[in-house]
Amino acid sequence: MVSLNKIIQAKITIGHFVTKTPFALSAKLSKILGASVYLKEENLQRTGAYKIRGAYNKIASLSDEERKLGVVAASAGNHAQGVAISAKEFGVHACIIMPESTPLLKVAGTKDLGAEVILKGDNFDEAYAFAVNYAKDKGMTFVHPFNDEYVMAGQGTVGLEMLDEISDLDIVIVPVGGGGLASGVASCIKQVNPKTKVICVGAKGAPAMFNSYGAKKSINSKSVRTIADGIA
């Protein structure tokens, strides 16, 4: 579990750069479900997604020497842009490794934010493996999309902002892919109010996390079918 102090510190660190997005009541969903349903509108974030939170917090944690050497990330979308815009803010060189099948619009969007882009591999796993080795060879810092305490703490600030608006939430539903957002938000919510239930939801066509959770070990998806292109 990520400590609440680290999540609070992350909120202070990223506060001037990251948008505090609305936590708005959805009248339609509330009527359908017979409950007060609020949506955390991270689609209104600067890069269109929450990923900027963890990326900025991670780069902010680096030493001056580490920043001089630059950062590397593997992503085909939101994490790429989060790292790119955060690195630009710190004047840090960012190299993003993307699969060769990445849509040109996403490649161009990442380049427009100041990052170098290298297309490598037929899928994310191949791009990821190349990125890890590239960072090691160049002495650069690899910014993991979810398996990093600073990244998880940054994503956990979503939970803090929700609690700032409504302190006694009954249930919090969080999308789960790699688990960075889910880990950060769950750590935050459970330390502030243990009675609040946190439910993580994944796409049925991308069940790796669901299967891994049940088996208590990592299980990769043999294939993925979902309209959610960020996890496809």
C-alpha atoms as a PDB file:
ATOM      1  CA  MET A   1       0.000   0.000   0.000  1.00  0.00           C
ATOM      2  CA  VAL A   2       1.231   3.484  -0.888  1.00  0.00           C
ATOM      3  CA  SER A   3       1.405   5.615   2.267  1.00  0.00           C
ATOM      4  CA  LEU A   4      -1.095   8.432   2.609  1.00  0.00           C
ATOM      5  CA  ASN A   5       1.762  10.841   3.339  1.00  0.00           C
ATOM      6  CA  LYS A   6       3.298  10.092  -0.071  1.00  0.00           C
ATOM      7  CA  ILE A   7      -0.022  10.703  -1.793  1.00  0.00           C
ATOM      8  CA  ILE A   8      -0.485  13.986   0.068  1.00  0.00           C
ATOM      9  CA  GLN A   9       3.056  15.007  -0.868  1.00  0.00           C
ATOM     10  CA  ALA A  10       2.308  14.106  -4.477  1.00  0.00           C
ATOM     11  CA  LYS A  11      -0.737  16.378  -4.388  1.00  0.00           C
ATOM     12  CA  ILE A  12       1.474  19.248  -3.230  1.00  0.00           C
ATOM     13  CA  THR A  13       4.116  18.439  -5.858  1.00  0.00           C
ATOM     14  CA  ILE A  14       1.780  18.301  -8.849  1.00  0.00           C
ATOM     15  CA  GLY A  15      -0.792  20.851  -7.691  1.00  0.00           C
ATOM     16  CA  HIS A  16       0.494  23.802  -9.723  1.00  0.00           C
ATOM     17  CA  PHE A  17       0.770  21.777 -12.935  1.00  0.00           C
ATOM     18  CA  VAL A  18      -2.087  19.290 -12.976  1.00  0.00           C
ATOM     19  CA  THR A  19      -5.722  20.282 -13.393  1.00  0.00           C
ATOM     20  CA  LYS A  20      -8.038  19.633 -10.450  1.00  0.00           C
ATOM     21  CA  THR A  21     -10.838  18.075 -12.461  1.00  0.00           C
ATOM     22  CA  PRO A  22     -14.532  18.282 -11.561  1.00  0.00           C
ATOM     23  CA  PHE A  23     -16.168  15.583  -9.428  1.00  0.00           C
ATOM     24  CA  ALA A  24     -19.639  16.087 -10.803  1.00  0.00           C
ATOM     25  CA  LEU A  25     -23.035  14.607 -10.035  1.00  0.00           C
ATOM     26  CA  SER A  26     -24.438  12.645 -12.972  1.00  0.00           C
ATOM     27  CA  ALA A  27     -28.182  13.282 -12.885  1.00  0.00           C
ATOM     28  CA  LYS A  28     -28.932  10.602 -15.475  1.00  0.00           C
ATOM     29  CA  LEU A  29     -26.920   7.812 -13.848  1.00  0.00           C
ATOM     30  CA  SER A  30     -28.204   8.788 -10.422  1.00  0.00           C
ATOM     31  CA  LYS A  31     -31.795   8.463 -11.646  1.00  0.00           C
ATOM     32  CA  ILE A  32     -31.159   5.112 -13.328  1.00  0.00           C
ATOM     33  CA  LEU A  33     -29.390   3.606 -10.310  1.00  0.00           C
ATOM     34  CA  GLY A  34     -31.372   5.265  -7.537  1.00  0.00           C
ATOM     35  CA  ALA A  35     -28.232   6.625  -5.895  1.00  0.00           C
ATOM     36  CA  SER A  36     -26.076   9.735  -6.019  1.00  0.00           C
ATOM     37  CA  VAL A  37     -23.499   8.945  -8.686  1.00  0.00           C
ATOM     38  CA  TYR A  38     -20.532  11.257  -9.187  1.00  0.00           C
ATOM     39  CA  LEU A  39     -18.018  11.150 -12.041  1.00  0.00           C
ATOM     40  CA  LYS A  40     -14.383  12.211 -11.683  1.00  0.00           C
ATOM     41  CA  GLU A  41     -13.874  13.933 -15.023  1.00  0.00           C
ATOM     42  CA  GLU A  42     -10.236  13.135 -15.773  1.00  0.00           C
ATOM     43  CA  ASN A  43     -11.028  13.433 -19.467  1.00  0.00           C
ATOM     44  CA  LEU A  44     -10.733  17.185 -18.792  1.00  0.00           C
ATOM     45  CA  GLN A  45      -7.146  16.764 -17.616  1.00  0.00           C
ATOM     46  CA  ARG A  46      -4.427  18.637 -19.541  1.00  0.00           C
ATOM     47  CA  THR A  47      -3.528  15.586 -21.613  1.00  0.00           C
ATOM     48  CA  GLY A  48      -7.015  14.089 -21.513  1.00  0.00           C
ATOM     49  CA  ALA A  49      -6.171  11.463 -18.887  1.00  0.00           C
ATOM     50  CA  TYR A  50      -5.006  10.976 -15.290  1.00  0.00           C
ATOM     51  CA  LYS A  51      -1.617   9.579 -16.371  1.00  0.00           C
ATOM     52  CA  ILE A  52      -0.037  13.036 -16.199  1.00  0.00           C
ATOM     53  CA  ARG A  53      -0.326  12.926 -12.401  1.00  0.00           C
ATOM     54  CA  GLY A  54       1.973   9.960 -11.864  1.00  0.00           C
ATOM     55  CA  ALA A  55       4.375  10.923 -14.637  1.00  0.00           C
ATOM     56  CA  TYR A  56       4.901  14.424 -13.234  1.00  0.00           C
ATOM     57  CA  ASN A  57       5.320  13.157  -9.679  1.00  0.00           C
ATOM     58  CA  LYS A  58       7.924  10.618 -10.798  1.00  0.00           C
ATOM     59  CA  ILE A  59      10.004  13.106 -12.782  1.00  0.00           C
ATOM     60  CA  ALA A  60       9.755  15.618  -9.919  1.00  0.00           C
ATOM     61  CA  SER A  61      11.359  13.013  -7.647  1.00  0.00           C
ATOM     62  CA  LEU A  62      14.494  12.642  -9.792  1.00  0.00           C
ATOM     63  CA  SER A  63      17.839  14.166  -8.869  1.00  0.00           C
ATOM     64  CA  ASP A  64      19.421  16.867 -11.025  1.00  0.00           C
ATOM     65  CA  GLU A  65      21.870  14.282 -12.380  1.00  0.00           C
ATOM     66  CA  GLU A  66      19.061  11.874 -13.302  1.00  0.00           C
ATOM     67  CA  ARG A  67      17.172  14.657 -15.055  1.00  0.00           C
ATOM     68  CA  LYS A  68      20.242  15.562 -17.098  1.00  0.00           C
ATOM     69  CA  LEU A  69      20.401  12.003 -18.426  1.00  0.00           C
ATOM     70  CA  GLY A  70      16.730  12.003 -19.438  1.00  0.00           C
ATOM     71  CA  VAL A  71      13.785   9.654 -19.108  1.00  0.00           C
ATOM     72  CA  VAL A  72      12.387   6.771 -21.139  1.00  0.00           C
ATOM     73  CA  ALA A  73       8.847   5.389 -21.257  1.00  0.00           C
ATOM     74  CA  ALA A  74       6.974   2.720 -23.191  1.00  0.00           C
ATOM     75  CA  SER A  75       3.441   3.660 -24.193  1.00  0.00           C
ATOM     76  CA  ALA A  76       1.058   3.944 -27.098  1.00  0.00           C
ATOM     77  CA  GLY A  77      -1.039   6.712 -25.635  1.00  0.00           C
ATOM     78  CA  ASN A  78      -1.865   8.474 -22.387  1.00  0.00           C
ATOM     79  CA  HIS A  79       1.277   7.579 -20.430  1.00  0.00           C
ATOM     80  CA  ALA A  80       3.396   8.732 -23.375  1.00  0.00           C
ATOM     81  CA  GLN A  81       1.805  12.163 -23.380  1.00  0.00           C
ATOM     82  CA  GLY A  82       1.891  12.419 -19.589  1.00  0.00           C
ATOM     83  CA  VAL A  83       5.637  11.733 -19.547  1.00  0.00           C
ATOM     84  CA  ALA A  84       6.272  13.994 -22.536  1.00  0.00           C
ATOM     85  CA  ILE A  85       4.516  17.076 -21.142  1.00  0.00           C
ATOM     86  CA  SER A  86       5.954  16.549 -17.652  1.00  0.00           C
ATOM     87  CA  ALA A  87       9.506  16.127 -18.946  1.00  0.00           C
ATOM     88  CA  LYS A  88       9.115  19.280 -21.034  1.00  0.00           C
ATOM     89  CA  GLU A  89       8.082  21.221 -17.919  1.00  0.00           C
ATOM     90  CA  PHE A  90      11.325  20.181 -16.186  1.00  0.00           C
ATOM     91  CA  GLY A  91      13.487  20.679 -19.289  1.00  0.00           C
ATOM     92  CA  VAL A  92      14.209  16.945 -19.349  1.00  0.00           C
ATOM     93  CA  HIS A  93      14.768  14.962 -22.545  1.00  0.00           C
ATOM     94  CA  ALA A  94      12.077  12.287 -22.928  1.00  0.00           C
ATOM     95  CA  CYS A  95      12.272   9.304 -25.254  1.00  0.00           C
ATOM     96  CA  ILE A  96       9.023   7.400 -25.752  1.00  0.00           C
ATOM     97  CA  ILE A  97       9.091   3.898 -27.233  1.00  0.00           C
ATOM     98  CA  MET A  98       5.891   3.060 -29.084  1.00  0.00           C
ATOM     99  CA  PRO A  99       4.812  -0.085 -30.959  1.00  0.00           C
ATOM    100  CA  GLU A 100       5.158   0.218 -34.718  1.00  0.00           C
ATOM    101  CA  SER A 101       1.367  -0.129 -35.034  1.00  0.00           C
ATOM    102  CA  THR A 102       0.699   3.034 -33.001  1.00  0.00           C
ATOM    103  CA  PRO A 103      -1.696   5.399 -34.841  1.00  0.00           C
ATOM    104  CA  LEU A 104       0.127   8.336 -36.424  1.00  0.00           C
ATOM    105  CA  LEU A 105      -2.118  10.780 -34.551  1.00  0.00           C
ATOM    106  CA  LYS A 106      -0.779   9.516 -31.206  1.00  0.00           C
ATOM    107  CA  VAL A 107       2.805   9.588 -32.439  1.00  0.00           C
ATOM    108  CA  ALA A 108       2.391  13.159 -33.670  1.00  0.00           C
ATOM    109  CA  GLY A 109       0.676  14.212 -30.442  1.00  0.00           C
ATOM    110  CA  THR A 110       3.563  12.907 -28.363  1.00  0.00           C
ATOM    111  CA  LYS A 111       6.156  14.578 -30.571  1.00  0.00           C
ATOM    112  CA  ASP A 112       4.251  17.868 -30.368  1.00  0.00           C
ATOM    113  CA  LEU A 113       4.756  17.773 -26.602  1.00  0.00           C
ATOM    114  CA  GLY A 114       8.512  17.752 -27.124  1.00  0.00           C
ATOM    115  CA  ALA A 115       9.381  14.066 -26.784  1.00  0.00           C
ATOM    116  CA  GLU A 116      11.531  11.922 -29.041  1.00  0.00           C
ATOM    117  CA  VAL A 117       9.581   8.924 -30.344  1.00  0.00           C
ATOM    118  CA  ILE A 118      11.062   5.573 -31.371  1.00  0.00           C
ATOM    119  CA  LEU A 119       8.763   3.007 -32.994  1.00  0.00           C
ATOM    120  CA  LYS A 120       9.791  -0.501 -31.998  1.00  0.00           C
ATOM    121  CA  GLY A 121       8.049  -3.871 -31.833  1.00  0.00           C
ATOM    122  CA  ASP A 122       4.776  -5.354 -33.009  1.00  0.00           C
ATOM    123  CA  ASN A 123       3.038  -4.849 -29.665  1.00  0.00           C
ATOM    124  CA  PHE A 124       3.375  -3.147 -26.281  1.00  0.00           C
ATOM    125  CA  ASP A 125       5.342  -5.991 -24.688  1.00  0.00           C
ATOM    126  CA  GLU A 126       8.042  -5.738 -27.352  1.00  0.00           C
ATOM    127  CA  ALA A 127       8.143  -1.949 -27.091  1.00  0.00           C
ATOM    128  CA  TYR A 128       8.349  -2.223 -23.296  1.00  0.00           C
ATOM    129  CA  ALA A 129      11.245  -4.704 -23.399  1.00  0.00           C
ATOM    130  CA  PHE A 130      13.142  -2.460 -25.807  1.00  0.00           C
ATOM    131  CA  ALA A 131      12.477   0.611 -23.638  1.00  0.00           C
ATOM    132  CA  VAL A 132      13.799  -1.040 -20.470  1.00  0.00           C
ATOM    133  CA  ASN A 133      17.018  -2.076 -22.226  1.00  0.00           C
ATOM    134  CA  TYR A 134      17.350   1.305 -23.948  1.00  0.00           C
ATOM    135  CA  ALA A 135      17.090   3.146 -20.624  1.00  0.00           C
ATOM    136  CA  LYS A 136      19.677   0.847 -19.061  1.00  0.00           C
ATOM    137  CA  ASP A 137      22.115   1.241 -21.957  1.00  0.00           C
ATOM    138  CA  LYS A 138      21.786   5.038 -21.995  1.00  0.00           C
ATOM    139  CA  GLY A 139      21.801   5.486 -18.216  1.00  0.00           C
ATOM    140  CA  MET A 140      18.345   7.088 -18.403  1.00  0.00           C
ATOM    141  CA  THR A 141      15.479   6.699 -15.926  1.00  0.00           C
ATOM    142  CA  PHE A 142      12.671   4.405 -17.007  1.00  0.00           C
ATOM    143  CA  VAL A 143       9.264   5.815 -16.049  1.00  0.00           C
ATOM    144  CA  HIS A 144       7.034   2.797 -15.567  1.00  0.00           C
ATOM    145  CA  PRO A 145       3.365   3.304 -16.486  1.00  0.00           C
ATOM    146  CA  PHE A 146       2.115   1.813 -13.198  1.00  0.00           C
ATOM    147  CA  ASN A 147       4.626  -0.289 -11.221  1.00  0.00           C
ATOM    148  CA  ASP A 148       6.317   2.617  -9.430  1.00  0.00           C
ATOM    149  CA  GLU A 149       5.511   4.099  -6.021  1.00  0.00           C
ATOM    150  CA  TYR A 150       5.843   7.718  -7.200  1.00  0.00           C
ATOM    151  CA  VAL A 151       3.572   6.999 -10.152  1.00  0.00           C
ATOM    152  CA  MET A 152       0.996   5.275  -7.939  1.00  0.00           C
ATOM    153  CA  ALA A 153       1.131   8.140  -5.428  1.00  0.00           C
ATOM    154  CA  GLY A 154       0.514  10.613  -8.243  1.00  0.00           C
ATOM    155  CA  GLN A 155      -2.497   8.658  -9.474  1.00  0.00           C
ATOM    156  CA  GLY A 156      -3.699   8.442  -5.868  1.00  0.00           C
ATOM    157  CA  THR A 157      -4.271  12.196  -5.873  1.00  0.00           C
ATOM    158  CA  VAL A 158      -7.444  11.448  -7.835  1.00  0.00           C
ATOM    159  CA  GLY A 159      -8.746   9.843  -4.658  1.00  0.00           C
ATOM    160  CA  LEU A 160      -7.728  12.801  -2.506  1.00  0.00           C
ATOM    161  CA  GLU A 161      -9.575  15.222  -4.762  1.00  0.00           C
ATOM    162  CA  MET A 162     -12.700  13.057  -4.602  1.00  0.00           C
ATOM    163  CA  LEU A 163     -12.554  12.970  -0.793  1.00  0.00           C
ATOM    164  CA  ASP A 164     -12.066  16.744  -0.707  1.00  0.00           C
ATOM    165  CA  GLU A 165     -15.490  17.036  -2.346  1.00  0.00           C
ATOM    166  CA  ILE A 166     -17.306  14.178  -0.562  1.00  0.00           C
ATOM    167  CA  SER A 167     -15.615  12.762   2.531  1.00  0.00           C
ATOM    168  CA  ASP A 168     -18.064   9.922   3.195  1.00  0.00           C
ATOM    169  CA  LEU A 169     -18.222   8.081  -0.128  1.00  0.00           C
ATOM    170  CA  ASP A 170     -19.917   4.666   0.125  1.00  0.00           C
ATOM    171  CA  ILE A 171     -18.397   3.026  -2.962  1.00  0.00           C
ATOM    172  CA  VAL A 172     -15.598   4.070  -5.302  1.00  0.00           C
ATOM    173  CA  ILE A 173     -15.408   2.338  -8.691  1.00  0.00           C
ATOM    174  CA  VAL A 174     -12.029   2.499 -10.429  1.00  0.00           C
ATOM    175  CA  PRO A 175     -11.009   1.220 -13.882  1.00  0.00           C
ATOM    176  CA  VAL A 176      -8.067  -1.173 -13.726  1.00  0.00           C
ATOM    177  CA  GLY A 177      -5.530  -1.981 -16.426  1.00  0.00           C
ATOM    178  CA  GLY A 178      -1.988  -2.191 -15.112  1.00  0.00           C
ATOM    179  CA  GLY A 179      -3.162  -1.191 -11.650  1.00  0.00           C
ATOM    180  CA  GLY A 180      -1.421   2.137 -11.055  1.00  0.00           C
ATOM    181  CA  LEU A 181      -4.605   4.187 -10.710  1.00  0.00           C
ATOM    182  CA  ALA A 182      -6.389   1.457  -8.773  1.00  0.00           C
ATOM    183  CA  SER A 183      -3.479   1.023  -6.345  1.00  0.00           C
ATOM    184  CA  GLY A 184      -3.098   4.745  -5.738  1.00  0.00           C
ATOM    185  CA  VAL A 185      -6.801   5.465  -5.297  1.00  0.00           C
ATOM    186  CA  ALA A 186      -7.451   2.381  -3.143  1.00  0.00           C
ATOM    187  CA  SER A 187      -4.458   3.204  -0.919  1.00  0.00           C
ATOM    188  CA  CYS A 188      -5.776   6.725  -0.451  1.00  0.00           C
ATOM    189  CA  ILE A 189      -9.421   5.857   0.132  1.00  0.00           C
ATOM    190  CA  LYS A 190      -8.793   2.960   2.532  1.00  0.00           C
ATOM    191  CA  GLN A 191      -6.376   4.936   4.711  1.00  0.00           C
ATOM    192  CA  VAL A 192      -8.769   7.878   5.007  1.00  0.00           C
ATOM    193  CA  ASN A 193     -12.004   5.902   5.349  1.00  0.00           C
ATOM    194  CA  PRO A 194     -11.605   2.091   5.668  1.00  0.00           C
ATOM    195  CA  LYS A 195     -15.391   1.634   5.491  1.00  0.00           C
ATOM    196  CA  THR A 196     -15.552   2.889   1.903  1.00  0.00           C
ATOM    197  CA  LYS A 197     -15.716  -0.014  -0.546  1.00  0.00           C
ATOM    198  CA  VAL A 198     -13.343   0.187  -3.534  1.00  0.00           C
ATOM    199  CA  ILE A 199     -14.282  -1.859  -6.599  1.00  0.00           C
ATOM    200  CA  CYS A 200     -11.928  -2.192  -9.566  1.00  0.00           C
ATOM    201  CA  VAL A 201     -13.442  -2.863 -12.975  1.00  0.00           C
ATOM    202  CA  GLY A 202     -11.654  -4.164 -16.057  1.00  0.00           C
ATOM    203  CA  ALA A 203     -12.803  -4.745 -19.626  1.00  0.00           C
ATOM    204  CA  LYS A 204     -14.212  -8.247 -20.117  1.00  0.00           C
ATOM    205  CA  GLY A 205     -12.170  -8.551 -23.285  1.00  0.00           C
ATOM    206  CA  ALA A 206      -8.929  -7.692 -21.433  1.00  0.00           C
ATOM    207  CA  PRO A 207      -9.171  -9.850 -18.287  1.00  0.00           C
ATOM    208  CA  ALA A 208      -5.485 -10.124 -17.295  1.00  0.00           C
ATOM    209  CA  MET A 209      -5.880  -8.281 -13.983  1.00  0.00           C
ATOM    210  CA  PHE A 210      -9.126 -10.081 -13.107  1.00  0.00           C
ATOM    211  CA  ASN A 211      -7.567 -13.469 -13.814  1.00  0.00           C
ATOM    212  CA  SER A 212      -4.342 -12.578 -11.999  1.00  0.00           C
ATOM    213  CA  TYR A 213      -6.234 -11.375  -8.928  1.00  0.00           C
ATOM    214  CA  GLY A 214      -8.191 -14.609  -8.722  1.00  0.00           C
ATOM    215  CA  ALA A 215      -5.122 -16.807  -9.236  1.00  0.00           C
ATOM    216  CA  LYS A 216      -2.897 -14.672  -6.967  1.00  0.00           C
ATOM    217  CA  LYS A 217      -0.197 -14.644  -9.660  1.00  0.00           C
ATOM    218  CA  SER A 218       0.412 -12.784 -12.923  1.00  0.00           C
ATOM    219  CA  ILE A 219      -1.532 -14.195 -15.865  1.00  0.00           C
ATOM    220  CA  ASN A 220      -1.215 -12.584 -19.273  1.00  0.00           C
ATOM    221  CA  SER A 221      -4.141 -12.295 -21.661  1.00  0.00           C
ATOM    222  CA  LYS A 222      -3.713 -14.510 -24.708  1.00  0.00           C
ATOM    223  CA  SER A 223      -5.739 -12.021 -26.725  1.00  0.00           C
ATOM    224  CA  VAL A 224      -7.492  -8.714 -26.090  1.00  0.00           C
ATOM    225  CA  ARG A 225     -10.780  -7.505 -27.563  1.00  0.00           C
ATOM    226  CA  THR A 226     -12.050  -4.134 -26.373  1.00  0.00           C
ATOM    227  CA  ILE A 227     -12.969  -0.732 -27.773  1.00  0.00           C
ATOM    228  CA  ALA A 228     -10.814   0.823 -25.027  1.00  0.00           C
ATOM    229  CA  ASP A 229      -7.729   1.350 -27.202  1.00  0.00           C
ATOM    230  CA  GLY A 230      -5.610   2.502 -24.249  1.00  0.00           C
ATOM    231  CA  ILE A 231      -5.532  -1.058 -22.890  1.00  0.00           C
ATOM    232  CA  ALA A 232      -5.938  -2.909 -26.199  1.00  0.00           C
END
